[in-house]
Amino acid sequence: MANFEINELTKLYYSIGEVAKMLNVNASLLRFWEKEFNIQIAKKNKKGNRLYSVKEIAEIHSIYDFVKLQGYTIEGAKRALKGNQPIQQQGIDPSQGIIEQLERIKEKLQQLKS
């Protein structure tokens, strides 16, 4: 679980390691989310390492919330993040991510059974 509040961040930029530690995830997962959710990291240091602004961290935190805390699939989180409307106004069922996961598990179990 994320152990920070966005409004408590004091630096202009944070390294990928710092952001990964804030969210208690691997840096590779952050890179994966960047690609999947088309997040543009505006700043890199001389070595080419990513430097995340507070705005970018807030965006990643939203993804973390949907995927890790609420159980959305990647596609479900993309739909939920589209626009800035509350999920209920977008017509998205918050439990849909869990249902999709359970359906995939059911399919795999049926494959193993046969």
N, C-alpha and C. Protein backbone atom coordinates (compact mmCIF):
# COMPACT_ATOMS: atom_id res chain seq x y z
N MET A 1 0.84 -1.18 0.00
CA MET A 1 0.00 0.00 0.00
C MET A 1 0.88 1.24 0.00
N ALA A 2 0.45 2.25 -0.75
CA ALA A 2 1.22 3.49 -0.84
C ALA A 2 1.21 4.18 0.52
N ASN A 3 2.40 4.59 0.94
CA ASN A 3 2.50 5.20 2.26
C ASN A 3 2.90 6.67 2.18
N PHE A 4 2.25 7.42 1.29
CA PHE A 4 2.53 8.84 1.16
C PHE A 4 1.29 9.56 0.64
N GLU A 5 1.30 10.87 0.79
CA GLU A 5 0.24 11.71 0.25
C GLU A 5 0.87 12.63 -0.78
N ILE A 6 0.19 12.81 -1.90
CA ILE A 6 0.71 13.64 -2.98
C ILE A 6 1.05 15.05 -2.47
N ASN A 7 0.19 15.62 -1.63
CA ASN A 7 0.43 16.98 -1.15
C ASN A 7 1.59 17.08 -0.17
N GLU A 8 2.17 15.95 0.24
CA GLU A 8 3.32 15.96 1.14
C GLU A 8 4.65 15.93 0.39
N LEU A 9 4.62 15.76 -0.94
CA LEU A 9 5.85 15.71 -1.72
C LEU A 9 6.46 17.10 -1.80
N THR A 10 7.75 17.20 -1.51
CA THR A 10 8.39 18.51 -1.40
C THR A 10 9.41 18.78 -2.50
N LYS A 11 9.94 17.76 -3.14
CA LYS A 11 10.95 17.96 -4.18
C LYS A 11 10.27 18.21 -5.53
N LEU A 12 11.02 18.83 -6.45
CA LEU A 12 10.49 19.04 -7.80
C LEU A 12 10.46 17.74 -8.58
N TYR A 13 11.49 16.90 -8.42
CA TYR A 13 11.59 15.66 -9.18
C TYR A 13 12.04 14.52 -8.27
N TYR A 14 11.56 13.34 -8.60
CA TYR A 14 11.90 12.13 -7.86
C TYR A 14 12.40 11.07 -8.83
N SER A 15 13.39 10.29 -8.40
CA SER A 15 13.91 9.22 -9.25
C SER A 15 12.91 8.07 -9.32
N ILE A 16 13.11 7.19 -10.28
CA ILE A 16 12.22 6.04 -10.43
C ILE A 16 12.30 5.15 -9.19
N GLY A 17 13.47 5.06 -8.59
CA GLY A 17 13.63 4.27 -7.36
C GLY A 17 12.84 4.85 -6.20
N GLU A 18 12.85 6.18 -6.10
CA GLU A 18 12.09 6.83 -5.03
C GLU A 18 10.59 6.62 -5.21
N VAL A 19 10.12 6.73 -6.45
CA VAL A 19 8.69 6.55 -6.73
C VAL A 19 8.30 5.09 -6.48
N ALA A 20 9.15 4.17 -6.91
CA ALA A 20 8.88 2.75 -6.69
C ALA A 20 8.79 2.45 -5.20
N LYS A 21 9.67 3.05 -4.43
CA LYS A 21 9.65 2.84 -2.97
C LYS A 21 8.39 3.44 -2.35
N MET A 22 7.96 4.61 -2.82
CA MET A 22 6.74 5.24 -2.31
C MET A 22 5.54 4.32 -2.47
N LEU A 23 5.49 3.65 -3.63
CA LEU A 23 4.34 2.80 -3.95
C LEU A 23 4.56 1.33 -3.57
N ASN A 24 5.77 1.03 -3.13
CA ASN A 24 6.11 -0.34 -2.77
C ASN A 24 5.93 -1.30 -3.95
N VAL A 25 6.46 -0.87 -5.12
CA VAL A 25 6.43 -1.68 -6.33
C VAL A 25 7.83 -1.67 -6.94
N ASN A 26 8.04 -2.51 -7.94
CA ASN A 26 9.32 -2.54 -8.65
C ASN A 26 9.38 -1.42 -9.68
N ALA A 27 10.59 -0.94 -9.95
CA ALA A 27 10.78 0.08 -10.98
C ALA A 27 10.32 -0.44 -12.34
N SER A 28 10.48 -1.73 -12.57
CA SER A 28 10.05 -2.30 -13.86
C SER A 28 8.54 -2.17 -14.05
N LEU A 29 7.78 -2.25 -12.96
CA LEU A 29 6.33 -2.07 -13.05
C LEU A 29 6.00 -0.63 -13.44
N LEU A 30 6.73 0.33 -12.92
CA LEU A 30 6.52 1.73 -13.30
C LEU A 30 6.81 1.93 -14.78
N ARG A 31 7.89 1.33 -15.29
CA ARG A 31 8.21 1.44 -16.72
C ARG A 31 7.12 0.79 -17.56
N PHE A 32 6.59 -0.35 -17.10
CA PHE A 32 5.50 -1.03 -17.80
C PHE A 32 4.27 -0.13 -17.86
N TRP A 33 3.90 0.48 -16.73
CA TRP A 33 2.74 1.37 -16.69
C TRP A 33 2.95 2.58 -17.60
N GLU A 34 4.18 3.09 -17.67
CA GLU A 34 4.47 4.22 -18.56
C GLU A 34 4.10 3.86 -19.99
N LYS A 35 4.48 2.65 -20.41
CA LYS A 35 4.18 2.22 -21.78
C LYS A 35 2.69 1.96 -21.96
N GLU A 36 2.09 1.22 -21.05
CA GLU A 36 0.68 0.83 -21.17
C GLU A 36 -0.26 2.03 -21.12
N PHE A 37 0.04 3.00 -20.28
CA PHE A 37 -0.84 4.14 -20.09
C PHE A 37 -0.35 5.39 -20.81
N ASN A 38 0.70 5.21 -21.61
CA ASN A 38 1.26 6.30 -22.43
C ASN A 38 1.58 7.53 -21.58
N ILE A 39 2.29 7.32 -20.49
CA ILE A 39 2.70 8.42 -19.62
C ILE A 39 4.01 8.98 -20.16
N GLN A 40 4.02 10.27 -20.39
CA GLN A 40 5.22 10.93 -20.89
C GLN A 40 6.00 11.50 -19.70
N ILE A 41 7.20 10.98 -19.48
CA ILE A 41 8.07 11.50 -18.42
C ILE A 41 8.88 12.64 -19.05
N ALA A 42 8.63 13.84 -18.58
CA ALA A 42 9.17 15.03 -19.22
C ALA A 42 10.66 15.24 -18.98
N LYS A 43 11.19 14.71 -17.90
CA LYS A 43 12.57 15.04 -17.55
C LYS A 43 13.39 13.78 -17.30
N LYS A 44 14.62 13.81 -17.81
CA LYS A 44 15.60 12.76 -17.53
C LYS A 44 16.91 13.44 -17.19
N ASN A 45 17.71 12.76 -16.36
CA ASN A 45 19.01 13.35 -16.00
C ASN A 45 20.03 13.07 -17.11
N LYS A 46 21.27 13.46 -16.89
CA LYS A 46 22.31 13.29 -17.91
C LYS A 46 22.54 11.82 -18.27
N LYS A 47 22.31 10.93 -17.32
CA LYS A 47 22.46 9.50 -17.58
C LYS A 47 21.26 8.91 -18.30
N GLY A 48 20.19 9.67 -18.42
CA GLY A 48 18.98 9.17 -19.06
C GLY A 48 17.98 8.56 -18.09
N ASN A 49 18.25 8.69 -16.79
CA ASN A 49 17.32 8.16 -15.79
C ASN A 49 16.10 9.05 -15.68
N ARG A 50 14.95 8.42 -15.49
CA ARG A 50 13.70 9.16 -15.39
C ARG A 50 13.66 9.99 -14.11
N LEU A 51 13.09 11.19 -14.24
CA LEU A 51 12.85 12.05 -13.10
C LEU A 51 11.37 12.42 -13.13
N TYR A 52 10.63 12.00 -12.11
CA TYR A 52 9.18 12.17 -12.07
C TYR A 52 8.80 13.45 -11.34
N SER A 53 7.93 14.23 -11.97
CA SER A 53 7.38 15.42 -11.32
C SER A 53 6.23 14.98 -10.42
N VAL A 54 5.76 15.87 -9.57
CA VAL A 54 4.64 15.56 -8.68
C VAL A 54 3.40 15.22 -9.51
N LYS A 55 3.20 15.93 -10.63
CA LYS A 55 2.06 15.66 -11.51
C LYS A 55 2.13 14.23 -12.06
N GLU A 56 3.30 13.82 -12.49
CA GLU A 56 3.47 12.46 -13.03
C GLU A 56 3.29 11.42 -11.93
N ILE A 57 3.77 11.72 -10.73
CA ILE A 57 3.58 10.80 -9.61
C ILE A 57 2.10 10.66 -9.28
N ALA A 58 1.36 11.76 -9.34
CA ALA A 58 -0.08 11.72 -9.08
C ALA A 58 -0.78 10.84 -10.10
N GLU A 59 -0.37 10.93 -11.36
CA GLU A 59 -0.95 10.09 -12.42
C GLU A 59 -0.65 8.62 -12.17
N ILE A 60 0.58 8.32 -11.81
CA ILE A 60 0.97 6.95 -11.51
C ILE A 60 0.24 6.44 -10.27
N HIS A 61 0.06 7.32 -9.30
CA HIS A 61 -0.65 6.93 -8.08
C HIS A 61 -2.10 6.55 -8.41
N SER A 62 -2.72 7.26 -9.35
CA SER A 62 -4.08 6.92 -9.78
C SER A 62 -4.11 5.52 -10.40
N ILE A 63 -3.12 5.22 -11.23
CA ILE A 63 -3.03 3.89 -11.84
C ILE A 63 -2.85 2.85 -10.75
N TYR A 64 -1.96 3.11 -9.80
CA TYR A 64 -1.72 2.21 -8.68
C TYR A 64 -3.02 1.94 -7.93
N ASP A 65 -3.78 3.00 -7.69
CA ASP A 65 -5.03 2.87 -6.96
C ASP A 65 -6.00 1.94 -7.69
N PHE A 66 -6.17 2.16 -8.99
CA PHE A 66 -7.10 1.32 -9.75
C PHE A 66 -6.62 -0.13 -9.84
N VAL A 67 -5.35 -0.31 -10.19
CA VAL A 67 -4.85 -1.66 -10.47
C VAL A 67 -4.56 -2.45 -9.19
N LYS A 68 -3.84 -1.85 -8.27
CA LYS A 68 -3.40 -2.58 -7.08
C LYS A 68 -4.42 -2.59 -5.95
N LEU A 69 -5.10 -1.47 -5.73
CA LEU A 69 -6.00 -1.40 -4.59
C LEU A 69 -7.43 -1.81 -4.94
N GLN A 70 -7.91 -1.41 -6.13
CA GLN A 70 -9.28 -1.71 -6.50
C GLN A 70 -9.43 -2.95 -7.37
N GLY A 71 -8.32 -3.52 -7.82
CA GLY A 71 -8.37 -4.77 -8.57
C GLY A 71 -8.76 -4.64 -10.03
N TYR A 72 -8.60 -3.47 -10.61
CA TYR A 72 -8.92 -3.30 -12.03
C TYR A 72 -7.88 -4.02 -12.89
N THR A 73 -8.31 -4.44 -14.08
CA THR A 73 -7.36 -4.91 -15.07
C THR A 73 -6.72 -3.67 -15.69
N ILE A 74 -5.70 -3.86 -16.49
CA ILE A 74 -5.06 -2.73 -17.17
C ILE A 74 -6.09 -2.02 -18.05
N GLU A 75 -6.84 -2.80 -18.82
CA GLU A 75 -7.85 -2.20 -19.71
C GLU A 75 -8.93 -1.48 -18.91
N GLY A 76 -9.36 -2.06 -17.81
CA GLY A 76 -10.35 -1.42 -16.95
C GLY A 76 -9.85 -0.11 -16.37
N ALA A 77 -8.58 -0.10 -15.97
CA ALA A 77 -7.99 1.12 -15.43
C ALA A 77 -7.87 2.19 -16.51
N LYS A 78 -7.54 1.77 -17.74
CA LYS A 78 -7.47 2.74 -18.84
C LYS A 78 -8.82 3.38 -19.07
N ARG A 79 -9.87 2.57 -19.06
CA ARG A 79 -11.22 3.12 -19.24
C ARG A 79 -11.58 4.06 -18.09
N ALA A 80 -11.23 3.67 -16.88
CA ALA A 80 -11.56 4.49 -15.70
C ALA A 80 -10.80 5.81 -15.72
N LEU A 81 -9.60 5.81 -16.24
CA LEU A 81 -8.79 7.03 -16.26
C LEU A 81 -9.13 7.95 -17.43
N LYS A 82 -9.83 7.42 -18.44
CA LYS A 82 -10.18 8.24 -19.60
C LYS A 82 -11.03 9.41 -19.15
N GLY A 83 -10.69 10.59 -19.60
CA GLY A 83 -11.41 11.76 -19.14
C GLY A 83 -11.12 11.98 -17.67
N ASN A 84 -11.71 12.93 -17.08
CA ASN A 84 -11.52 13.17 -15.65
C ASN A 84 -12.84 13.05 -14.92
N GLN A 85 -13.72 12.22 -15.43
CA GLN A 85 -15.02 12.03 -14.80
C GLN A 85 -14.91 10.97 -13.73
N PRO A 86 -15.75 11.07 -12.70
CA PRO A 86 -15.82 9.98 -11.74
C PRO A 86 -16.25 8.70 -12.44
N ILE A 87 -15.82 7.57 -11.93
CA ILE A 87 -16.09 6.28 -12.55
C ILE A 87 -17.58 6.06 -12.76
N GLN A 88 -18.40 6.42 -11.80
CA GLN A 88 -19.83 6.18 -11.92
C GLN A 88 -20.41 6.93 -13.12
N GLN A 89 -19.88 8.12 -13.42
CA GLN A 89 -20.39 8.89 -14.55
C GLN A 89 -19.95 8.31 -15.88
N GLN A 90 -18.90 7.51 -15.88
CA GLN A 90 -18.43 6.89 -17.12
C GLN A 90 -19.17 5.60 -17.41
N GLY A 91 -20.02 5.16 -16.51
CA GLY A 91 -20.75 3.92 -16.72
C GLY A 91 -19.90 2.69 -16.51
N ILE A 92 -18.86 2.80 -15.71
CA ILE A 92 -17.96 1.67 -15.46
C ILE A 92 -18.27 1.09 -14.11
N ASP A 93 -18.43 -0.21 -14.08
CA ASP A 93 -18.70 -0.91 -12.83
C ASP A 93 -17.37 -1.14 -12.11
N PRO A 94 -17.18 -0.58 -10.90
CA PRO A 94 -15.90 -0.75 -10.20
C PRO A 94 -15.50 -2.20 -9.96
N SER A 95 -16.47 -3.10 -9.91
CA SER A 95 -16.15 -4.51 -9.67
C SER A 95 -15.79 -5.23 -10.97
N GLN A 96 -15.84 -4.55 -12.10
CA GLN A 96 -15.60 -5.20 -13.39
C GLN A 96 -14.20 -5.82 -13.46
N GLY A 97 -13.20 -5.15 -12.92
CA GLY A 97 -11.84 -5.69 -12.96
C GLY A 97 -11.75 -7.03 -12.25
N ILE A 98 -12.39 -7.15 -11.12
CA ILE A 98 -12.38 -8.40 -10.37
C ILE A 98 -13.11 -9.48 -11.13
N ILE A 99 -14.24 -9.12 -11.74
CA ILE A 99 -15.02 -10.08 -12.51
C ILE A 99 -14.20 -10.61 -13.68
N GLU A 100 -13.50 -9.71 -14.39
CA GLU A 100 -12.66 -10.13 -15.51
C GLU A 100 -11.57 -11.09 -15.04
N GLN A 101 -10.96 -10.81 -13.91
CA GLN A 101 -9.91 -11.68 -13.38
C GLN A 101 -10.47 -13.05 -13.03
N LEU A 102 -11.64 -13.07 -12.40
CA LEU A 102 -12.25 -14.35 -12.03
C LEU A 102 -12.64 -15.16 -13.26
N GLU A 103 -13.11 -14.48 -14.32
CA GLU A 103 -13.45 -15.20 -15.54
C GLU A 103 -12.21 -15.84 -16.17
N ARG A 104 -11.09 -15.12 -16.15
CA ARG A 104 -9.84 -15.70 -16.70
C ARG A 104 -9.39 -16.90 -15.87
N ILE A 105 -9.50 -16.80 -14.56
CA ILE A 105 -9.12 -17.92 -13.69
C ILE A 105 -10.02 -19.11 -13.96
N LYS A 106 -11.31 -18.86 -14.12
CA LYS A 106 -12.27 -19.94 -14.40
C LYS A 106 -11.91 -20.64 -15.71
N GLU A 107 -11.58 -19.86 -16.75
CA GLU A 107 -11.19 -20.45 -18.03
C GLU A 107 -9.95 -21.33 -17.88
N LYS A 108 -8.97 -20.84 -17.15
CA LYS A 108 -7.73 -21.62 -16.96
C LYS A 108 -8.02 -22.92 -16.19
N LEU A 109 -8.87 -22.84 -15.18
CA LEU A 109 -9.22 -24.04 -14.42
C LEU A 109 -9.96 -25.05 -15.29
N GLN A 110 -10.83 -24.54 -16.17
CA GLN A 110 -11.56 -25.45 -17.07
C GLN A 110 -10.61 -26.11 -18.06
N GLN A 111 -9.60 -25.37 -18.53
CA GLN A 111 -8.59 -25.93 -19.43
C GLN A 111 -7.80 -27.02 -18.72
N LEU A 112 -7.45 -26.78 -17.48
CA LEU A 112 -6.68 -27.78 -16.73
C LEU A 112 -7.51 -29.03 -16.46
N LYS A 113 -8.80 -28.83 -16.26
CA LYS A 113 -9.69 -29.94 -15.94
C LYS A 113 -9.86 -30.87 -17.15
N SER A 114 -9.89 -30.31 -18.36
CA SER A 114 -10.11 -31.14 -19.55
C SER A 114 -8.85 -31.69 -20.14
